[in-house]
N, C-alpha and C. Protein backbone atom coordinates (compact mmCIF):
# COMPACT_ATOMS: atom_id res chain seq x y z
N UNK A 1 63.33 72.11 45.39
CA UNK A 1 63.17 71.59 46.72
C UNK A 1 62.80 72.70 47.70
N UNK A 2 63.44 73.87 47.52
CA UNK A 2 63.13 74.98 48.42
C UNK A 2 61.69 75.43 48.24
N UNK A 3 61.23 75.43 46.98
CA UNK A 3 59.85 75.84 46.72
C UNK A 3 58.88 74.88 47.39
N UNK A 4 59.15 73.59 47.31
CA UNK A 4 58.29 72.60 47.95
C UNK A 4 58.28 72.77 49.47
N UNK A 5 59.46 73.05 50.04
CA UNK A 5 59.55 73.25 51.48
C UNK A 5 58.78 74.50 51.90
N UNK A 6 58.91 75.57 51.12
CA UNK A 6 58.18 76.80 51.43
C UNK A 6 56.68 76.57 51.34
N UNK A 7 56.26 75.86 50.29
CA UNK A 7 54.84 75.57 50.11
C UNK A 7 54.30 74.72 51.26
N UNK A 8 55.07 73.71 51.67
CA UNK A 8 54.65 72.85 52.78
C UNK A 8 54.56 73.65 54.08
N UNK A 9 55.54 74.52 54.31
CA UNK A 9 55.53 75.34 55.52
C UNK A 9 54.35 76.30 55.50
N UNK A 10 54.07 76.89 54.34
CA UNK A 10 52.94 77.81 54.21
C UNK A 10 51.63 77.08 54.48
N UNK A 11 51.47 75.88 53.90
CA UNK A 11 50.24 75.11 54.10
C UNK A 11 50.07 74.72 55.57
N UNK A 12 51.16 74.31 56.21
CA UNK A 12 51.08 73.95 57.61
C UNK A 12 50.77 75.16 58.48
N UNK A 13 51.34 76.32 58.11
CA UNK A 13 51.09 77.54 58.88
C UNK A 13 49.64 77.99 58.72
N UNK A 14 49.14 77.96 57.49
CA UNK A 14 47.76 78.37 57.25
C UNK A 14 46.78 77.41 57.92
N UNK A 15 47.12 76.13 57.94
CA UNK A 15 46.24 75.15 58.56
C UNK A 15 46.21 75.25 60.07
N UNK A 16 47.21 75.90 60.66
CA UNK A 16 47.29 75.97 62.11
C UNK A 16 46.79 77.30 62.65
N UNK A 17 46.11 78.10 61.84
CA UNK A 17 45.59 79.37 62.32
C UNK A 17 44.17 79.21 62.78
N UNK A 18 43.68 80.13 63.57
CA UNK A 18 42.29 80.09 64.01
C UNK A 18 42.18 79.59 65.43
N UNK A 19 40.93 79.39 65.86
CA UNK A 19 40.67 78.97 67.24
C UNK A 19 41.20 77.57 67.48
N UNK A 20 41.82 77.39 68.60
CA UNK A 20 42.32 76.07 68.96
C UNK A 20 43.56 75.67 68.20
N UNK A 21 44.27 76.61 67.59
CA UNK A 21 45.46 76.29 66.81
C UNK A 21 46.57 75.80 67.72
N UNK A 22 47.33 74.83 67.21
CA UNK A 22 48.45 74.29 67.95
C UNK A 22 49.74 74.73 67.28
N UNK A 23 50.84 74.65 68.00
CA UNK A 23 52.12 74.97 67.39
C UNK A 23 52.53 73.83 66.48
N UNK A 24 53.25 74.17 65.44
CA UNK A 24 53.71 73.17 64.49
C UNK A 24 54.85 72.35 65.08
N UNK A 25 54.96 71.08 64.71
CA UNK A 25 56.07 70.29 65.21
C UNK A 25 57.39 70.78 64.60
N UNK A 26 58.46 70.61 65.34
CA UNK A 26 59.78 70.98 64.84
C UNK A 26 60.26 69.88 63.90
N UNK A 27 61.37 70.16 63.19
CA UNK A 27 61.93 69.15 62.29
C UNK A 27 62.48 67.96 63.06
N UNK A 28 62.84 68.15 64.32
CA UNK A 28 63.29 67.02 65.14
C UNK A 28 62.10 66.13 65.51
N UNK A 29 60.95 66.74 65.76
CA UNK A 29 59.76 65.96 66.13
C UNK A 29 59.13 65.28 64.91
N UNK A 30 59.15 65.94 63.78
CA UNK A 30 58.53 65.42 62.55
C UNK A 30 59.45 65.75 61.39
N UNK A 31 60.44 64.88 61.11
CA UNK A 31 61.46 65.16 60.10
C UNK A 31 60.86 65.42 58.72
N UNK A 32 61.62 66.16 57.91
CA UNK A 32 61.15 66.55 56.58
C UNK A 32 60.80 65.34 55.71
N UNK A 33 61.63 64.29 55.80
CA UNK A 33 61.37 63.09 55.00
C UNK A 33 60.00 62.49 55.36
N UNK A 34 59.70 62.46 56.66
CA UNK A 34 58.41 61.93 57.11
C UNK A 34 57.25 62.85 56.71
N UNK A 35 57.50 64.15 56.66
CA UNK A 35 56.45 65.09 56.26
C UNK A 35 56.05 64.88 54.80
N UNK A 36 56.98 64.39 54.00
CA UNK A 36 56.69 64.20 52.58
C UNK A 36 56.28 62.76 52.29
N UNK A 37 57.04 61.78 52.80
CA UNK A 37 56.81 60.38 52.44
C UNK A 37 56.19 59.53 53.54
N UNK A 38 56.16 59.99 54.76
CA UNK A 38 55.69 59.16 55.87
C UNK A 38 54.19 59.19 56.06
N UNK A 39 53.71 58.57 57.15
CA UNK A 39 52.27 58.59 57.44
C UNK A 39 51.80 60.01 57.67
N UNK A 40 50.77 60.40 56.98
CA UNK A 40 50.28 61.77 57.08
C UNK A 40 51.06 62.71 56.19
N UNK A 41 52.01 62.18 55.43
CA UNK A 41 52.84 63.00 54.56
C UNK A 41 52.13 63.41 53.29
N UNK A 42 52.81 64.19 52.49
CA UNK A 42 52.22 64.75 51.28
C UNK A 42 51.98 63.70 50.20
N UNK A 43 52.85 62.69 50.08
CA UNK A 43 52.73 61.75 48.97
C UNK A 43 52.01 60.46 49.32
N UNK A 44 52.33 59.87 50.45
CA UNK A 44 51.73 58.60 50.84
C UNK A 44 51.04 58.77 52.18
N UNK A 45 49.90 59.44 52.19
CA UNK A 45 49.23 59.81 53.42
C UNK A 45 48.80 58.62 54.27
N UNK A 46 48.25 57.59 53.67
CA UNK A 46 47.68 56.50 54.44
C UNK A 46 48.63 55.31 54.60
N UNK A 47 49.75 55.34 53.89
CA UNK A 47 50.67 54.20 53.95
C UNK A 47 51.58 54.30 55.15
N UNK A 48 51.71 53.20 55.87
CA UNK A 48 52.61 53.13 57.02
C UNK A 48 53.68 52.11 56.68
N UNK A 49 54.94 52.48 56.84
CA UNK A 49 56.03 51.58 56.53
C UNK A 49 56.09 50.44 57.56
N UNK A 50 55.97 49.18 57.10
CA UNK A 50 55.95 48.07 58.06
C UNK A 50 57.30 47.87 58.74
N UNK A 51 57.26 47.35 59.96
CA UNK A 51 58.48 47.10 60.72
C UNK A 51 59.18 45.83 60.25
N UNK A 52 58.46 44.94 59.59
CA UNK A 52 59.04 43.71 59.08
C UNK A 52 58.90 43.70 57.56
N UNK A 53 59.98 43.37 56.85
CA UNK A 53 59.92 43.38 55.39
C UNK A 53 59.20 42.15 54.85
N UNK A 54 58.85 42.22 53.59
CA UNK A 54 58.28 41.06 52.93
C UNK A 54 56.84 41.26 52.52
N UNK A 55 56.45 40.50 51.53
CA UNK A 55 55.09 40.55 51.00
C UNK A 55 54.46 39.19 51.20
N UNK A 56 53.19 39.18 51.58
CA UNK A 56 52.43 37.94 51.73
C UNK A 56 51.51 37.76 50.54
N UNK A 57 51.37 36.54 50.10
CA UNK A 57 50.49 36.20 48.99
C UNK A 57 49.28 35.51 49.59
N UNK A 58 48.18 36.24 49.72
CA UNK A 58 47.01 35.73 50.43
C UNK A 58 45.93 35.27 49.48
N UNK A 59 45.16 34.30 49.94
CA UNK A 59 43.99 33.83 49.21
C UNK A 59 42.82 33.89 50.18
N UNK A 60 41.64 33.75 49.64
CA UNK A 60 40.53 33.71 50.55
C UNK A 60 39.19 33.90 49.92
N UNK A 61 38.27 33.88 50.74
CA UNK A 61 36.87 34.20 50.51
C UNK A 61 36.21 33.76 51.80
N UNK A 62 35.21 34.39 52.16
CA UNK A 62 34.58 34.03 53.41
C UNK A 62 33.32 34.83 53.61
N UNK A 63 32.68 34.65 54.72
CA UNK A 63 31.45 35.38 54.96
C UNK A 63 31.72 36.86 55.15
N UNK A 64 30.79 37.66 54.68
CA UNK A 64 30.94 39.10 54.85
C UNK A 64 30.00 39.84 53.93
N UNK A 65 29.49 40.95 54.39
CA UNK A 65 28.53 41.72 53.61
C UNK A 65 29.19 42.44 52.44
N UNK A 66 30.52 42.65 52.50
CA UNK A 66 31.18 43.41 51.45
C UNK A 66 31.63 42.56 50.27
N UNK A 67 31.36 41.25 50.32
CA UNK A 67 31.78 40.37 49.23
C UNK A 67 30.88 40.54 48.02
N UNK A 68 31.46 40.47 46.82
CA UNK A 68 30.63 40.50 45.62
C UNK A 68 29.72 39.28 45.56
N UNK A 69 28.55 39.43 44.95
CA UNK A 69 27.59 38.33 44.83
C UNK A 69 28.19 37.21 43.99
N UNK A 70 28.12 35.98 44.48
CA UNK A 70 28.61 34.81 43.76
C UNK A 70 30.11 34.60 43.87
N UNK A 71 30.79 35.30 44.78
CA UNK A 71 32.24 35.16 44.91
C UNK A 71 32.61 33.76 45.40
N UNK A 72 33.60 33.13 44.74
CA UNK A 72 34.03 31.79 45.14
C UNK A 72 35.51 31.74 45.52
N UNK A 73 36.31 32.74 45.11
CA UNK A 73 37.75 32.73 45.38
C UNK A 73 38.29 34.14 45.22
N UNK A 74 39.38 34.42 45.92
CA UNK A 74 40.05 35.71 45.78
C UNK A 74 41.52 35.56 46.13
N UNK A 75 42.34 36.48 45.63
CA UNK A 75 43.77 36.49 45.93
C UNK A 75 44.27 37.93 45.95
N UNK A 76 45.30 38.15 46.76
CA UNK A 76 45.88 39.49 46.85
C UNK A 76 47.27 39.42 47.45
N UNK A 77 47.95 40.56 47.48
CA UNK A 77 49.25 40.65 48.12
C UNK A 77 49.20 41.76 49.16
N UNK A 78 49.81 41.52 50.31
CA UNK A 78 49.82 42.50 51.39
C UNK A 78 51.20 42.54 52.04
N UNK A 79 51.45 43.63 52.75
CA UNK A 79 52.66 43.70 53.56
C UNK A 79 52.32 43.26 54.99
N UNK A 80 53.24 43.42 55.90
CA UNK A 80 53.05 42.95 57.28
C UNK A 80 51.90 43.66 57.99
N UNK A 81 51.56 44.89 57.59
CA UNK A 81 50.46 45.63 58.20
C UNK A 81 49.15 45.46 57.44
N UNK A 82 49.08 44.45 56.56
CA UNK A 82 47.88 44.14 55.78
C UNK A 82 47.51 45.26 54.81
N UNK A 83 48.50 46.02 54.38
CA UNK A 83 48.26 47.05 53.37
C UNK A 83 48.44 46.40 52.00
N UNK A 84 47.52 46.68 51.10
CA UNK A 84 47.53 46.06 49.79
C UNK A 84 48.77 46.43 49.00
N UNK A 85 49.31 45.45 48.31
CA UNK A 85 50.41 45.66 47.39
C UNK A 85 49.85 45.47 45.98
N UNK A 86 50.62 44.91 45.08
CA UNK A 86 50.15 44.72 43.71
C UNK A 86 49.07 43.64 43.65
N UNK A 87 48.22 43.75 42.64
CA UNK A 87 47.09 42.82 42.48
C UNK A 87 47.52 41.66 41.58
N UNK A 88 47.28 40.41 42.01
CA UNK A 88 47.62 39.26 41.18
C UNK A 88 46.67 39.11 39.99
N UNK A 89 47.12 38.35 39.01
CA UNK A 89 46.31 38.04 37.83
C UNK A 89 45.75 36.64 38.01
N UNK A 90 44.45 36.48 37.76
CA UNK A 90 43.82 35.17 37.85
C UNK A 90 43.29 34.78 36.48
N UNK A 91 43.70 33.60 36.03
CA UNK A 91 43.26 33.07 34.75
C UNK A 91 42.43 31.82 35.00
N UNK A 92 41.29 31.70 34.30
CA UNK A 92 40.43 30.52 34.44
C UNK A 92 40.98 29.44 33.50
N UNK A 93 41.36 28.30 34.07
CA UNK A 93 41.88 27.19 33.27
C UNK A 93 40.74 26.28 32.84
N UNK A 94 39.83 25.96 33.76
CA UNK A 94 38.67 25.15 33.39
C UNK A 94 37.50 25.52 34.29
N UNK A 95 36.30 25.37 33.72
CA UNK A 95 35.07 25.68 34.46
C UNK A 95 33.96 24.79 33.93
N UNK A 96 32.91 24.58 34.71
CA UNK A 96 31.78 23.78 34.24
C UNK A 96 31.13 24.40 33.00
N UNK A 97 30.57 23.55 32.17
CA UNK A 97 29.89 24.03 30.96
C UNK A 97 28.73 24.94 31.34
N UNK A 98 28.59 26.04 30.65
CA UNK A 98 27.49 26.97 30.89
C UNK A 98 27.72 27.94 32.03
N UNK A 99 28.83 27.83 32.71
CA UNK A 99 29.12 28.73 33.82
C UNK A 99 29.70 30.04 33.30
N UNK A 100 29.35 31.12 33.98
CA UNK A 100 29.92 32.43 33.65
C UNK A 100 30.85 32.81 34.80
N UNK A 101 32.12 32.90 34.48
CA UNK A 101 33.13 33.21 35.50
C UNK A 101 33.56 34.66 35.30
N UNK A 102 33.48 35.42 36.39
CA UNK A 102 33.92 36.81 36.35
C UNK A 102 35.17 36.98 37.18
N UNK A 103 36.11 37.78 36.68
CA UNK A 103 37.35 38.07 37.41
C UNK A 103 37.49 39.58 37.46
N UNK A 104 37.57 40.13 38.69
CA UNK A 104 37.69 41.57 38.83
C UNK A 104 38.25 41.96 40.18
N UNK A 105 38.46 43.25 40.34
CA UNK A 105 39.02 43.79 41.57
C UNK A 105 37.91 43.98 42.59
N UNK A 106 38.21 43.65 43.87
CA UNK A 106 37.20 43.85 44.89
C UNK A 106 37.66 43.43 46.26
N UNK A 107 36.79 43.58 47.26
CA UNK A 107 37.11 43.20 48.63
C UNK A 107 36.88 41.71 48.87
N UNK A 108 37.61 41.17 49.85
CA UNK A 108 37.41 39.79 50.27
C UNK A 108 37.95 39.62 51.67
N UNK A 109 37.78 38.43 52.23
CA UNK A 109 38.29 38.10 53.55
C UNK A 109 39.43 37.10 53.37
N UNK A 110 40.60 37.40 53.90
CA UNK A 110 41.76 36.51 53.77
C UNK A 110 41.56 35.27 54.63
N UNK A 111 41.69 34.09 54.02
CA UNK A 111 41.52 32.84 54.76
C UNK A 111 42.73 31.92 54.66
N UNK A 112 43.69 32.25 53.79
CA UNK A 112 44.87 31.40 53.63
C UNK A 112 45.97 32.13 52.90
N UNK A 113 47.08 31.42 52.68
CA UNK A 113 48.22 32.03 51.97
C UNK A 113 48.72 31.08 50.89
N UNK A 114 49.33 31.69 49.88
CA UNK A 114 50.05 30.93 48.87
C UNK A 114 51.54 30.95 49.16
N UNK A 115 51.97 31.85 50.01
CA UNK A 115 53.39 31.94 50.35
C UNK A 115 53.75 33.35 50.76
N UNK A 116 55.04 33.57 50.88
CA UNK A 116 55.52 34.89 51.25
C UNK A 116 55.84 34.99 52.72
N UNK A 117 55.92 36.22 53.19
CA UNK A 117 56.30 36.51 54.58
C UNK A 117 55.20 36.09 55.54
N UNK A 118 55.53 36.07 56.82
CA UNK A 118 54.55 35.75 57.86
C UNK A 118 53.37 36.72 57.73
N UNK A 119 52.18 36.20 57.93
CA UNK A 119 51.01 37.02 57.65
C UNK A 119 50.04 37.08 58.82
N UNK A 120 49.89 38.26 59.41
CA UNK A 120 48.90 38.42 60.47
C UNK A 120 47.52 38.80 59.92
N UNK A 121 47.35 38.76 58.61
CA UNK A 121 46.13 39.27 57.96
C UNK A 121 45.02 38.23 57.82
N UNK A 122 45.26 36.98 58.19
CA UNK A 122 44.24 35.95 58.05
C UNK A 122 43.01 36.33 58.88
N UNK A 123 41.85 36.26 58.25
CA UNK A 123 40.60 36.60 58.91
C UNK A 123 40.24 38.08 58.82
N UNK A 124 41.08 38.86 58.18
CA UNK A 124 40.83 40.29 58.07
C UNK A 124 40.42 40.66 56.66
N UNK A 125 39.72 41.78 56.48
CA UNK A 125 39.35 42.23 55.14
C UNK A 125 40.59 42.59 54.32
N UNK A 126 40.51 42.33 53.03
CA UNK A 126 41.60 42.64 52.11
C UNK A 126 40.99 43.06 50.77
N UNK A 127 41.84 43.49 49.86
CA UNK A 127 41.40 43.81 48.51
C UNK A 127 42.34 43.13 47.53
N UNK A 128 41.76 42.73 46.40
CA UNK A 128 42.56 42.05 45.38
C UNK A 128 41.68 41.59 44.25
N UNK A 129 42.07 40.50 43.61
CA UNK A 129 41.33 39.95 42.48
C UNK A 129 40.32 38.93 43.01
N UNK A 130 39.05 39.13 42.64
CA UNK A 130 37.97 38.27 43.13
C UNK A 130 37.34 37.54 41.94
N UNK A 131 37.08 36.24 42.11
CA UNK A 131 36.44 35.41 41.08
C UNK A 131 35.00 35.16 41.48
N UNK A 132 34.07 35.43 40.56
CA UNK A 132 32.65 35.17 40.81
C UNK A 132 32.14 34.10 39.86
N UNK A 133 31.11 33.38 40.31
CA UNK A 133 30.53 32.28 39.54
C UNK A 133 29.03 32.52 39.38
N UNK A 134 28.57 32.41 38.12
CA UNK A 134 27.14 32.47 37.83
C UNK A 134 26.79 31.27 36.97
N UNK A 135 25.67 30.67 37.27
CA UNK A 135 25.22 29.53 36.48
C UNK A 135 24.67 28.43 37.37
N UNK A 136 24.29 27.34 36.74
CA UNK A 136 23.76 26.20 37.49
C UNK A 136 24.87 25.56 38.31
N UNK A 137 24.49 25.13 39.48
CA UNK A 137 25.45 24.51 40.39
C UNK A 137 25.01 23.08 40.68
N UNK A 138 25.93 22.17 40.47
CA UNK A 138 25.67 20.76 40.74
C UNK A 138 26.73 20.24 41.70
N UNK A 139 26.41 19.23 42.48
CA UNK A 139 27.40 18.68 43.41
C UNK A 139 28.64 18.20 42.66
N UNK A 140 29.81 18.49 43.23
CA UNK A 140 31.07 18.03 42.64
C UNK A 140 31.68 18.96 41.61
N UNK A 141 31.01 20.04 41.27
CA UNK A 141 31.58 20.97 40.29
C UNK A 141 32.74 21.74 40.90
N UNK A 142 33.71 22.07 40.04
CA UNK A 142 34.83 22.87 40.50
C UNK A 142 35.35 23.74 39.36
N UNK A 143 36.08 24.77 39.73
CA UNK A 143 36.71 25.68 38.79
C UNK A 143 38.21 25.63 39.05
N UNK A 144 39.01 25.51 38.00
CA UNK A 144 40.46 25.51 38.14
C UNK A 144 40.98 26.88 37.74
N UNK A 145 41.72 27.51 38.66
CA UNK A 145 42.23 28.87 38.47
C UNK A 145 43.74 28.89 38.58
N UNK A 146 44.39 29.75 37.80
CA UNK A 146 45.83 29.97 37.92
C UNK A 146 46.04 31.39 38.43
N UNK A 147 46.68 31.51 39.60
CA UNK A 147 46.95 32.81 40.22
C UNK A 147 48.41 33.14 40.01
N UNK A 148 48.68 34.28 39.36
CA UNK A 148 50.05 34.74 39.11
C UNK A 148 50.30 36.00 39.93
N UNK A 149 51.29 35.93 40.81
CA UNK A 149 51.62 37.06 41.67
C UNK A 149 52.70 37.91 40.99
N UNK A 150 52.45 39.23 40.83
CA UNK A 150 53.36 40.07 40.06
C UNK A 150 54.75 40.25 40.67
N UNK A 151 54.85 40.39 41.97
CA UNK A 151 56.17 40.61 42.56
C UNK A 151 56.99 39.33 42.60
N UNK A 152 56.32 38.20 42.71
CA UNK A 152 57.00 36.92 42.79
C UNK A 152 57.27 36.35 41.40
N UNK A 153 56.34 36.57 40.47
CA UNK A 153 56.48 36.04 39.12
C UNK A 153 56.08 34.57 39.04
N UNK A 154 55.79 33.95 40.15
CA UNK A 154 55.39 32.55 40.17
C UNK A 154 53.87 32.45 40.10
N UNK A 155 53.40 31.28 39.76
CA UNK A 155 51.96 31.06 39.70
C UNK A 155 51.61 29.80 40.48
N UNK A 156 50.38 29.78 40.95
CA UNK A 156 49.84 28.65 41.69
C UNK A 156 48.49 28.30 41.11
N UNK A 157 48.22 27.00 40.95
CA UNK A 157 46.91 26.55 40.49
C UNK A 157 46.04 26.21 41.69
N UNK A 158 44.78 26.60 41.62
CA UNK A 158 43.83 26.30 42.68
C UNK A 158 42.60 25.64 42.06
N UNK A 159 42.16 24.52 42.65
CA UNK A 159 40.91 23.90 42.25
C UNK A 159 39.90 24.30 43.32
N UNK A 160 38.93 25.10 42.89
CA UNK A 160 37.96 25.67 43.82
C UNK A 160 36.61 24.98 43.64
N UNK A 161 36.09 24.32 44.68
CA UNK A 161 34.77 23.72 44.56
C UNK A 161 33.70 24.81 44.48
N UNK A 162 32.72 24.59 43.64
CA UNK A 162 31.61 25.53 43.52
C UNK A 162 30.60 25.19 44.60
N UNK A 163 30.35 26.11 45.52
CA UNK A 163 29.41 25.81 46.60
C UNK A 163 27.97 25.72 46.09
N UNK A 164 27.23 24.79 46.65
CA UNK A 164 25.81 24.66 46.29
C UNK A 164 25.03 25.80 46.94
N UNK A 165 23.96 26.17 46.31
CA UNK A 165 23.17 27.29 46.85
C UNK A 165 22.29 26.85 47.97
């Protein structure tokens, strides 16, 4: 622990040298725990601890340039600050004959929830498991998907209509 503290102090001291250098924060201003585990810390630099506990189970798909081509459905888990948690598993239960269904990790737009804590993330970009559809599209076609959320252990079935081109 002492070695880690010395190394962190040395890195902070070396980083604060040169033109325009500022004084380092004291341990009262920036506690040691926050220096290691908090925002800007050594281990979880980009993660911010949410003020409200709980995980939201979000679903979605929507307009956006960052969506994979042919995306028809997506699911993910987030905390109160819309930070991604574990990725759900999506299994294809049924699909139209001749359709190629792809399931992979990617970006999407949250449009709904399957459950969990209150979610301010609706309408915002998210990351998770995205389902894509390739093949002929006819009116009335749909794909049945089973979404299993890892932290909850529960699953939800979704019947997703295949949009016409």
